[in-house]
Structure formats: C-alpha cells, structure tokens
C-alpha atoms as a PDB file:
ATOM      1  CA  MET A   1      15.962  -0.268 -81.650  1.00  0.00           C
ATOM      2  CA  ALA A   2      13.834   2.616 -82.584  1.00  0.00           C
ATOM      3  CA  ILE A   3      11.040   4.553 -80.658  1.00  0.00           C
ATOM      4  CA  ASP A   4       7.796   4.721 -82.153  1.00  0.00           C
ATOM      5  CA  ALA A   5       8.716   1.239 -84.425  1.00  0.00           C
ATOM      6  CA  ALA A   6       7.316  -2.086 -84.318  1.00  0.00           C
ATOM      7  CA  VAL A   7       9.724  -4.447 -82.727  1.00  0.00           C
ATOM      8  CA  THR A   8       9.828  -8.346 -82.249  1.00  0.00           C
ATOM      9  CA  ILE A   9      11.215  -9.394 -78.858  1.00  0.00           C
ATOM     10  CA  THR A  10      11.685 -12.741 -77.361  1.00  0.00           C
ATOM     11  CA  TYR A  11      10.960 -13.608 -73.517  1.00  0.00           C
ATOM     12  CA  THR A  12      11.499 -17.096 -71.855  1.00  0.00           C
ATOM     13  CA  ALA A  13       9.015 -19.001 -69.975  1.00  0.00           C
ATOM     14  CA  TRP A  14      10.790 -20.740 -67.038  1.00  0.00           C
ATOM     15  CA  ASN A  15       9.726 -23.701 -64.875  1.00  0.00           C
ATOM     16  CA  THR A  16      10.978 -22.885 -61.266  1.00  0.00           C
ATOM     17  CA  SER A  17      10.060 -26.603 -60.236  1.00  0.00           C
ATOM     18  CA  THR A  18      12.278 -28.284 -62.836  1.00  0.00           C
ATOM     19  CA  ASN A  19      14.700 -25.551 -63.453  1.00  0.00           C
ATOM     20  CA  GLU A  20      14.252 -25.703 -67.001  1.00  0.00           C
ATOM     21  CA  PRO A  21      12.625 -23.676 -69.897  1.00  0.00           C
ATOM     22  CA  GLN A  22       8.845 -24.531 -70.422  1.00  0.00           C
ATOM     23  CA  ALA A  23       8.026 -25.185 -73.874  1.00  0.00           C
ATOM     24  CA  ALA A  24       4.838 -24.619 -75.701  1.00  0.00           C
ATOM     25  CA  ASP A  25       3.264 -22.429 -73.177  1.00  0.00           C
ATOM     26  CA  ALA A  26       2.581 -19.116 -74.871  1.00  0.00           C
ATOM     27  CA  ALA A  27      -1.155 -19.613 -75.164  1.00  0.00           C
ATOM     28  CA  ASN A  28      -1.084 -19.567 -71.138  1.00  0.00           C
ATOM     29  CA  HIS A  29       0.396 -16.044 -70.903  1.00  0.00           C
ATOM     30  CA  THR A  30      -0.833 -12.820 -69.891  1.00  0.00           C
ATOM     31  CA  LEU A  31       1.438  -9.836 -71.101  1.00  0.00           C
ATOM     32  CA  LYS A  32       1.979  -6.249 -70.298  1.00  0.00           C
ATOM     33  CA  VAL A  33       4.298  -3.790 -72.318  1.00  0.00           C
ATOM     34  CA  VAL A  34       5.998  -1.174 -69.956  1.00  0.00           C
ATOM     35  CA  ALA A  35       6.968   1.960 -71.548  1.00  0.00           C
ATOM     36  CA  ASP A  36       8.696   4.292 -69.294  1.00  0.00           C
ATOM     37  CA  GLY A  37       7.080   2.545 -66.058  1.00  0.00           C
ATOM     38  CA  VAL A  38       3.512   2.829 -67.679  1.00  0.00           C
ATOM     39  CA  GLU A  39       1.793  -0.622 -68.436  1.00  0.00           C
ATOM     40  CA  ALA A  40      -0.563  -1.406 -71.086  1.00  0.00           C
ATOM     41  CA  SER A  41      -1.651  -4.684 -72.668  1.00  0.00           C
ATOM     42  CA  PRO A  42      -0.174  -5.603 -76.015  1.00  0.00           C
ATOM     43  CA  ALA A  43      -2.544  -6.001 -79.315  1.00  0.00           C
ATOM     44  CA  ALA A  44      -0.668  -9.045 -80.201  1.00  0.00           C
ATOM     45  CA  THR A  45      -0.671 -12.458 -78.824  1.00  0.00           C
ATOM     46  CA  PRO A  46       2.594 -14.295 -78.413  1.00  0.00           C
ATOM     47  CA  ALA A  47       4.012 -17.180 -80.016  1.00  0.00           C
ATOM     48  CA  ASP A  48       5.804 -20.138 -79.083  1.00  0.00           C
ATOM     49  CA  LYS A  49       9.449 -20.433 -80.449  1.00  0.00           C
ATOM     50  CA  SER A  50      11.729 -23.094 -79.088  1.00  0.00           C
ATOM     51  CA  ASN A  51      13.492 -24.233 -75.741  1.00  0.00           C
ATOM     52  CA  GLY A  52      10.806 -22.077 -73.728  1.00  0.00           C
ATOM     53  CA  ASP A  53      11.384 -18.879 -75.878  1.00  0.00           C
ATOM     54  CA  CYS A  54       8.529 -16.950 -76.896  1.00  0.00           C
ATOM     55  CA  SER A  55       8.088 -14.004 -79.352  1.00  0.00           C
ATOM     56  CA  LEU A  56       5.680 -11.054 -79.374  1.00  0.00           C
ATOM     57  CA  VAL A  57       5.388  -8.130 -81.678  1.00  0.00           C
ATOM     58  CA  VAL A  58       5.359  -4.669 -80.105  1.00  0.00           C
ATOM     59  CA  ALA A  59       3.303  -2.308 -82.144  1.00  0.00           C
ATOM     60  CA  ALA A  60       4.802   0.972 -82.973  1.00  0.00           C
ATOM     61  CA  ASP A  61       2.161   2.743 -80.819  1.00  0.00           C
ATOM     62  CA  GLU A  62       3.070   0.505 -77.956  1.00  0.00           C
ATOM     63  CA  ASN A  63       7.083   0.947 -78.203  1.00  0.00           C
ATOM     64  CA  THR A  64       6.855   4.361 -77.187  1.00  0.00           C
ATOM     65  CA  GLY A  65       9.342   4.724 -74.098  1.00  0.00           C
ATOM     66  CA  THR A  66      13.088   5.077 -73.670  1.00  0.00           C
ATOM     67  CA  MET A  67      13.222   2.113 -71.209  1.00  0.00           C
ATOM     68  CA  MET A  68      11.015  -0.750 -72.432  1.00  0.00           C
ATOM     69  CA  GLU A  69      10.114  -3.993 -70.903  1.00  0.00           C
ATOM     70  CA  VAL A  70       7.603  -7.043 -71.593  1.00  0.00           C
ATOM     71  CA  ASN A  71       6.389  -9.045 -68.522  1.00  0.00           C
ATOM     72  CA  GLY A  72       3.765 -10.962 -67.382  1.00  0.00           C
ATOM     73  CA  SER A  73       2.518 -14.487 -65.955  1.00  0.00           C
ATOM     74  CA  SER A  74       1.578 -17.981 -66.777  1.00  0.00           C
ATOM     75  CA  SER A  75      -1.446 -19.859 -65.725  1.00  0.00           C
ATOM     76  CA  THR A  76       0.939 -22.828 -65.894  1.00  0.00           C
ATOM     77  CA  SER A  77       2.072 -23.941 -62.275  1.00  0.00           C
ATOM     78  CA  ASP A  78       5.388 -23.084 -61.418  1.00  0.00           C
ATOM     79  CA  VAL A  79       6.031 -21.339 -64.625  1.00  0.00           C
ATOM     80  CA  ILE A  80       7.425 -17.735 -64.446  1.00  0.00           C
ATOM     81  CA  LEU A  81       8.195 -15.436 -67.252  1.00  0.00           C
ATOM     82  CA  ILE A  82      11.524 -13.888 -67.625  1.00  0.00           C
ATOM     83  CA  PRO A  83      10.983 -10.277 -68.957  1.00  0.00           C
ATOM     84  CA  ALA A  84      12.383  -8.723 -72.130  1.00  0.00           C
ATOM     85  CA  ARG A  85      14.050  -5.406 -71.588  1.00  0.00           C
ATOM     86  CA  TRP A  86      15.661  -3.280 -74.200  1.00  0.00           C
ATOM     87  CA  GLN A  87      16.075   0.573 -74.850  1.00  0.00           C
ATOM     88  CA  ASN A  88      15.261   2.667 -77.526  1.00  0.00           C
ATOM     89  CA  PRO A  89      18.033   5.658 -77.365  1.00  0.00           C
ATOM     90  CA  PRO A  90      16.478   9.186 -77.836  1.00  0.00           C
ATOM     91  CA  ASP A  91      17.395  11.046 -81.179  1.00  0.00           C
ATOM     92  CA  PRO A  92      20.290  13.456 -80.489  1.00  0.00           C
ATOM     93  CA  LEU A  93      19.336  15.698 -83.120  1.00  0.00           C
ATOM     94  CA  ALA A  94      15.793  16.033 -81.470  1.00  0.00           C
ATOM     95  CA  SER A  95      17.015  17.432 -78.049  1.00  0.00           C
ATOM     96  CA  ASP A  96      17.791  21.187 -77.485  1.00  0.00           C
ATOM     97  CA  VAL A  97      21.206  22.019 -77.315  1.00  0.00           C
ATOM     98  CA  ASP A  98      23.026  24.701 -74.831  1.00  0.00           C
ATOM     99  CA  SER A  99      25.655  26.692 -76.378  1.00  0.00           C
ATOM    100  CA  ALA A 100      27.119  27.125 -72.996  1.00  0.00           C
ATOM    101  CA  GLY A 101      28.873  23.777 -73.211  1.00  0.00           C
ATOM    102  CA  TYR A 102      30.476  24.267 -76.511  1.00  0.00           C
ATOM    103  CA  THR A 103      33.651  25.985 -77.759  1.00  0.00           C
ATOM    104  CA  ALA A 104      32.558  28.885 -80.165  1.00  0.00           C
ATOM    105  CA  GLY A 105      32.835  27.617 -83.776  1.00  0.00           C
ATOM    106  CA  THR A 106      32.032  23.992 -82.977  1.00  0.00           C
ATOM    107  CA  ALA A 107      28.988  22.082 -84.240  1.00  0.00           C
ATOM    108  CA  GLY A 108      27.622  22.109 -81.291  1.00  0.00           C
ATOM    109  CA  ALA A 109      27.790  25.741 -80.504  1.00  0.00           C
ATOM    110  CA  LYS A 110      26.464  26.189 -84.078  1.00  0.00           C
ATOM    111  CA  LEU A 111      23.461  23.963 -83.495  1.00  0.00           C
ATOM    112  CA  ALA A 112      22.740  25.795 -80.377  1.00  0.00           C
ATOM    113  CA  LEU A 113      22.052  28.900 -82.519  1.00  0.00           C
ATOM    114  CA  ILE A 114      19.034  27.382 -84.077  1.00  0.00           C
ATOM    115  CA  GLY A 115      16.192  28.421 -81.894  1.00  0.00           C
ATOM    116  CA  SER A 116      16.084  28.426 -78.057  1.00  0.00           C
ATOM    117  CA  GLY A 117      15.069  26.550 -74.875  1.00  0.00           C
ATOM    118  CA  LYS A 118      16.233  23.584 -73.029  1.00  0.00           C
ATOM    119  CA  ALA A 119      14.902  20.214 -72.444  1.00  0.00           C
ATOM    120  CA  THR A 120      15.014  18.513 -69.180  1.00  0.00           C
ATOM    121  CA  ILE A 121      14.903  14.443 -69.540  1.00  0.00           C
ATOM    122  CA  THR A 122      14.108  12.398 -66.346  1.00  0.00           C
ATOM    123  CA  ALA A 123      14.349   8.649 -66.574  1.00  0.00           C
ATOM    124  CA  PRO A 124      14.408   5.889 -64.117  1.00  0.00           C
ATOM    125  CA  VAL A 125      17.953   5.079 -62.727  1.00  0.00           C
ATOM    126  CA  LEU A 126      18.941   1.842 -61.160  1.00  0.00           C
ATOM    127  CA  GLU A 127      22.209   1.123 -59.600  1.00  0.00           C
ATOM    128  CA  THR A 128      23.956  -1.165 -62.252  1.00  0.00           C
ATOM    129  CA  ASP A 129      26.884  -3.599 -61.673  1.00  0.00           C
ATOM    130  CA  GLU A 130      28.948  -5.200 -64.574  1.00  0.00           C
ATOM    131  CA  VAL A 131      29.539  -8.719 -64.839  1.00  0.00           C
ATOM    132  CA  SER A 132      32.484  -9.681 -66.929  1.00  0.00           C
ATOM    133  CA  ILE A 133      32.679 -13.079 -68.337  1.00  0.00           C
ATOM    134  CA  ILE A 134      35.409 -15.009 -70.211  1.00  0.00           C
ATOM    135  CA  GLN A 135      34.343 -17.602 -72.540  1.00  0.00           C
ATOM    136  CA  GLY A 136      34.999 -21.121 -71.435  1.00  0.00           C
ATOM    137  CA  ASP A 137      35.668 -20.365 -67.930  1.00  0.00           C
ATOM    138  CA  THR A 138      33.990 -21.888 -64.716  1.00  0.00           C
ATOM    139  CA  TYR A 139      32.520 -19.824 -62.338  1.00  0.00           C
ATOM    140  CA  ASN A 140      32.087 -22.031 -59.421  1.00  0.00           C
ATOM    141  CA  ASN A 141      31.950 -21.270 -55.688  1.00  0.00           C
ATOM    142  CA  ASP A 142      34.447 -24.056 -54.965  1.00  0.00           C
ATOM    143  CA  ASP A 143      37.087 -21.927 -56.858  1.00  0.00           C
ATOM    144  CA  GLY A 144      35.781 -18.856 -55.086  1.00  0.00           C
ATOM    145  CA  ARG A 145      34.758 -17.556 -58.595  1.00  0.00           C
ATOM    146  CA  ALA A 146      30.764 -17.729 -58.372  1.00  0.00           C
ATOM    147  CA  LEU A 147      28.686 -14.867 -59.364  1.00  0.00           C
ATOM    148  CA  GLU A 148      27.464 -13.146 -55.940  1.00  0.00           C
ATOM    149  CA  TRP A 149      25.575 -10.149 -55.169  1.00  0.00           C
ATOM    150  CA  THR A 150      25.191  -8.621 -51.867  1.00  0.00           C
ATOM    151  CA  ARG A 151      23.220  -5.825 -50.320  1.00  0.00           C
ATOM    152  CA  SER A 152      22.260  -4.754 -46.752  1.00  0.00           C
ATOM    153  CA  ASP A 153      19.893  -1.788 -47.518  1.00  0.00           C
ATOM    154  CA  SER A 154      16.375  -1.250 -48.352  1.00  0.00           C
ATOM    155  CA  THR A 155      16.737  -1.630 -52.045  1.00  0.00           C
ATOM    156  CA  TRP A 156      16.097  -5.509 -51.678  1.00  0.00           C
ATOM    157  CA  PRO A 157      13.501  -7.212 -49.929  1.00  0.00           C
ATOM    158  CA  THR A 158      14.210  -7.395 -46.089  1.00  0.00           C
ATOM    159  CA  SER A 159      13.993 -11.199 -46.487  1.00  0.00           C
ATOM    160  CA  LEU A 160      14.795 -13.359 -49.261  1.00  0.00           C
ATOM    161  CA  ALA A 161      13.670 -16.660 -47.748  1.00  0.00           C
ATOM    162  CA  GLY A 162      11.981 -19.135 -50.029  1.00  0.00           C
ATOM    163  CA  ALA A 163      12.683 -16.714 -53.134  1.00  0.00           C
ATOM    164  CA  SER A 164      13.853 -18.192 -56.499  1.00  0.00           C
ATOM    165  CA  ILE A 165      17.014 -16.712 -58.208  1.00  0.00           C
ATOM    166  CA  VAL A 166      17.221 -16.509 -61.740  1.00  0.00           C
ATOM    167  CA  LEU A 167      19.975 -14.940 -63.896  1.00  0.00           C
ATOM    168  CA  VAL A 168      19.246 -13.792 -67.490  1.00  0.00           C
ATOM    169  CA  ALA A 169      21.684 -12.582 -70.040  1.00  0.00           C
ATOM    170  CA  TRP A 170      20.558 -11.000 -73.299  1.00  0.00           C
ATOM    171  CA  ALA A 171      22.011  -9.637 -76.642  1.00  0.00           C
ATOM    172  CA  ALA A 172      21.559  -5.888 -76.934  1.00  0.00           C
ATOM    173  CA  THR A 173      21.384  -6.055 -80.735  1.00  0.00           C
ATOM    174  CA  ASP A 174      17.979  -8.236 -80.762  1.00  0.00           C
ATOM    175  CA  ALA A 175      17.040  -8.927 -77.100  1.00  0.00           C
ATOM    176  CA  SER A 176      17.606 -12.408 -77.699  1.00  0.00           C
ATOM    177  CA  VAL A 177      18.193 -14.605 -74.367  1.00  0.00           C
ATOM    178  CA  ILE A 178      22.031 -15.876 -74.543  1.00  0.00           C
ATOM    179  CA  LEU A 179      21.904 -17.360 -71.093  1.00  0.00           C
ATOM    180  CA  GLN A 180      19.635 -18.281 -68.561  1.00  0.00           C
ATOM    181  CA  LYS A 181      20.477 -19.787 -64.934  1.00  0.00           C
ATOM    182  CA  ALA A 182      18.861 -20.371 -61.701  1.00  0.00           C
ATOM    183  CA  GLY A 183      20.875 -19.406 -58.664  1.00  0.00           C
ATOM    184  CA  SER A 184      20.556 -19.609 -54.947  1.00  0.00           C
ATOM    185  CA  VAL A 185      19.831 -17.478 -51.970  1.00  0.00           C
ATOM    186  CA  ILE A 186      22.967 -17.588 -49.693  1.00  0.00           C
ATOM    187  CA  THR A 187      21.749 -15.471 -46.898  1.00  0.00           C
ATOM    188  CA  PRO A 188      18.212 -14.533 -46.818  1.00  0.00           C
ATOM    189  CA  THR A 189      18.357 -11.796 -44.169  1.00  0.00           C
ATOM    190  CA  GLY A 190      20.471  -9.070 -42.642  1.00  0.00           C
ATOM    191  CA  THR A 191      23.332  -8.717 -45.215  1.00  0.00           C
ATOM    192  CA  ARG A 192      21.504 -10.664 -48.145  1.00  0.00           C
ATOM    193  CA  LYS A 193      23.340 -12.539 -50.551  1.00  0.00           C
ATOM    194  CA  VAL A 194      22.553 -14.562 -53.690  1.00  0.00           C
ATOM    195  CA  ARG A 195      24.845 -16.598 -55.958  1.00  0.00           C
ATOM    196  CA  VAL A 196      24.834 -17.787 -59.401  1.00  0.00           C
ATOM    197  CA  GLU A 197      27.440 -20.590 -60.746  1.00  0.00           C
ATOM    198  CA  LEU A 198      28.321 -21.163 -64.437  1.00  0.00           C
ATOM    199  CA  THR A 199      29.823 -24.137 -65.964  1.00  0.00           C
ATOM    200  CA  HIS A 200      32.396 -24.212 -68.563  1.00  0.00           C
ATOM    201  CA  ALA A 201      30.102 -25.970 -70.898  1.00  0.00           C
ATOM    202  CA  GLU A 202      27.519 -22.757 -70.452  1.00  0.00           C
ATOM    203  CA  THR A 203      30.032 -20.052 -70.774  1.00  0.00           C
ATOM    204  CA  LEU A 204      31.691 -21.778 -73.987  1.00  0.00           C
ATOM    205  CA  LEU A 205      28.490 -21.344 -75.820  1.00  0.00           C
ATOM    206  CA  LEU A 206      28.508 -17.214 -75.135  1.00  0.00           C
ATOM    207  CA  THR A 207      29.205 -15.317 -78.042  1.00  0.00           C
ATOM    208  CA  THR A 208      32.003 -13.056 -77.551  1.00  0.00           C
ATOM    209  CA  LEU A 209      30.623  -9.182 -77.610  1.00  0.00           C
ATOM    210  CA  PRO A 210      31.287  -6.545 -75.213  1.00  0.00           C
ATOM    211  CA  ASN A 211      27.394  -5.518 -75.596  1.00  0.00           C
ATOM    212  CA  HIS A 212      25.654  -8.177 -73.492  1.00  0.00           C
ATOM    213  CA  TYR A 213      23.287  -7.326 -70.476  1.00  0.00           C
ATOM    214  CA  TYR A 214      22.117  -9.254 -67.507  1.00  0.00           C
ATOM    215  CA  ASN A 215      19.461  -9.083 -65.072  1.00  0.00           C
ATOM    216  CA  THR A 216      19.359 -11.062 -61.705  1.00  0.00           C
ATOM    217  CA  LYS A 217      15.931 -11.231 -60.183  1.00  0.00           C
ATOM    218  CA  ALA A 218      14.287 -12.871 -57.421  1.00  0.00           C
ATOM    219  CA  ILE A 219      10.951 -14.490 -57.700  1.00  0.00           C
ATOM    220  CA  MET A 220       9.181 -14.022 -54.117  1.00  0.00           C
ATOM    221  CA  PRO A 221       7.065 -16.726 -52.643  1.00  0.00           C
ATOM    222  CA  SER A 222       4.242 -14.203 -52.881  1.00  0.00           C
ATOM    223  CA  GLY A 223       4.839 -14.203 -56.745  1.00  0.00           C
ATOM    224  CA  HIS A 224       6.254 -10.792 -56.718  1.00  0.00           C
ATOM    225  CA  HIS A 225       9.391 -10.144 -59.273  1.00  0.00           C
ATOM    226  CA  VAL A 226      12.074  -7.924 -57.752  1.00  0.00           C
ATOM    227  CA  THR A 227      15.120  -7.024 -59.766  1.00  0.00           C
ATOM    228  CA  LEU A 228      18.356  -7.312 -57.596  1.00  0.00           C
ATOM    229  CA  ALA A 229      20.891  -6.288 -60.067  1.00  0.00           C
ATOM    230  CA  ARG A 230      21.291  -5.547 -63.623  1.00  0.00           C
ATOM    231  CA  GLY A 231      23.894  -4.148 -65.856  1.00  0.00           C
ATOM    232  CA  SER A 232      26.454  -4.815 -68.763  1.00  0.00           C
ATOM    233  CA  PHE A 233      27.337  -8.491 -69.546  1.00  0.00           C
ATOM    234  CA  PRO A 234      30.389  -8.458 -71.541  1.00  0.00           C
ATOM    235  CA  VAL A 235      31.900 -11.782 -72.982  1.00  0.00           C
ATOM    236  CA  ALA A 236      35.715 -11.748 -73.705  1.00  0.00           C
ATOM    237  CA  ARG A 237      37.300 -14.450 -76.089  1.00  0.00           C
ATOM    238  CA  GLN A 238      38.738 -17.501 -74.356  1.00  0.00           C
ATOM    239  CA  ALA A 239      42.430 -17.912 -74.459  1.00  0.00           C
ATOM    240  CA  ILE A 240      43.570 -20.166 -76.995  1.00  0.00           C
ATOM    241  CA  THR A 241      45.744 -23.199 -75.334  1.00  0.00           C
ATOM    242  CA  THR A 242      47.690 -25.963 -77.092  1.00  0.00           C
END
C-alpha cells in the first residue's frame, strides 16, 4: 500500500457473547482512522460485506502515516470491532543518503553526492513474535501445541481477569482477514498467560504464504483494547501423505 493514496480496508465485527462474527452491523459502527498514532474520523461510512466483515474507503488525505489502523466501536451489545492494520512503506528514494555507509563507486555512494543532510525517522516499535503455522495442522493444548503468550512485565495489564482474547490474522497484500479465533486467559495475574487453539479444519483453509500477519488482543471488562502480541504469521504448505 502507498502513503497518500486511497485504500479500501476490511475489518471484522465480532460478537463476544456468541463467539461468532456479527453480520449486518456496519450501520452501528463509529470508526477512527489512526495514522502514526494520530486519530481522525473517516469521511466515508462503512459497508457490510459478509460473515461479519465490513469495508471502509480510507481517503488519500487520511492514509497519511507509515503505520495505519482503523478501529472503533459498535453500539450493538457484546459486539467488538477487530481493527484493520496496514503499513505504508516509505519511498527509499525520498530519504537522504549517508555516503559513509557505502563503498566508493557504489550506487549508494553516488546518490549521497546529490545534496546534503540527514533524515531521522522515528516510528512506534512494538515487540513482535512470529507464529509459524503448518497448513492442516492442529494446535491443541492436549497435544502441548496450543498457541500461548506469556508476560510478567508491565507491557500487559496487571490483571487479565474477565478479559476476552481474540487472535486475528490477515494478509499483508490486501489486509483481508484470513483467520479469527477466540482464545482464553489461562493465568490472569502474576506471570500472565493467554492461549489460542486452532483446529485442523481452521488451518487447512489458510493460504500458504510467508507474508501474513497476526494480532492477539485482550478486550478488557472496561471495554479497553490491549494488544498483547503481534508479528508475522507465515503459513507453510501441509505435507502430502498417501
């Protein structure tokens, strides 16, 4: 995706009471577009797609950040909105070049001779964890293979008691949701632990690509949304058996 260009994104309405997508709910959504941490209300209104998915056209003058997100809330009871996130990679030719890092005669050294000065880029940095999935595999706690995240420091809430856990994976190519699964809080305080289990049927439907991403989030009893982990979500092709 390109910065300062209009983009259509997809996000999901999720009913925490039924643990299923909430269909035909877009009219009840209040949304925010977040560009590098700065919130604004979108000009467009969301539209219902299918199976709880909703679309929103983010205008060019709203898609202005490197790290982008659309989030919000629903007025429907027990329904939360799973955010859409995407990145707008900076144009490498728009950045200043420091010739000290390049060998004389290379393209980098030649580019550095044009003009002068240096650019400092500061962006939010989150600790990331890769979750590697094999298509068709089962990730169940009975086998010791459930997806689990554990934290003892202050980056998570001090208590996850009563929180709902949701894992969402999406394709980097178009930000479409490829998997959404409710999890559980295993240890709410101290060294906190959350868990998500995936069935054979769920992973069998995943597209085998290395450039998927995921987000594991806690929805607190207060209604606050807290990202617990995020990172790459590569899916490898299942083994062929006879």
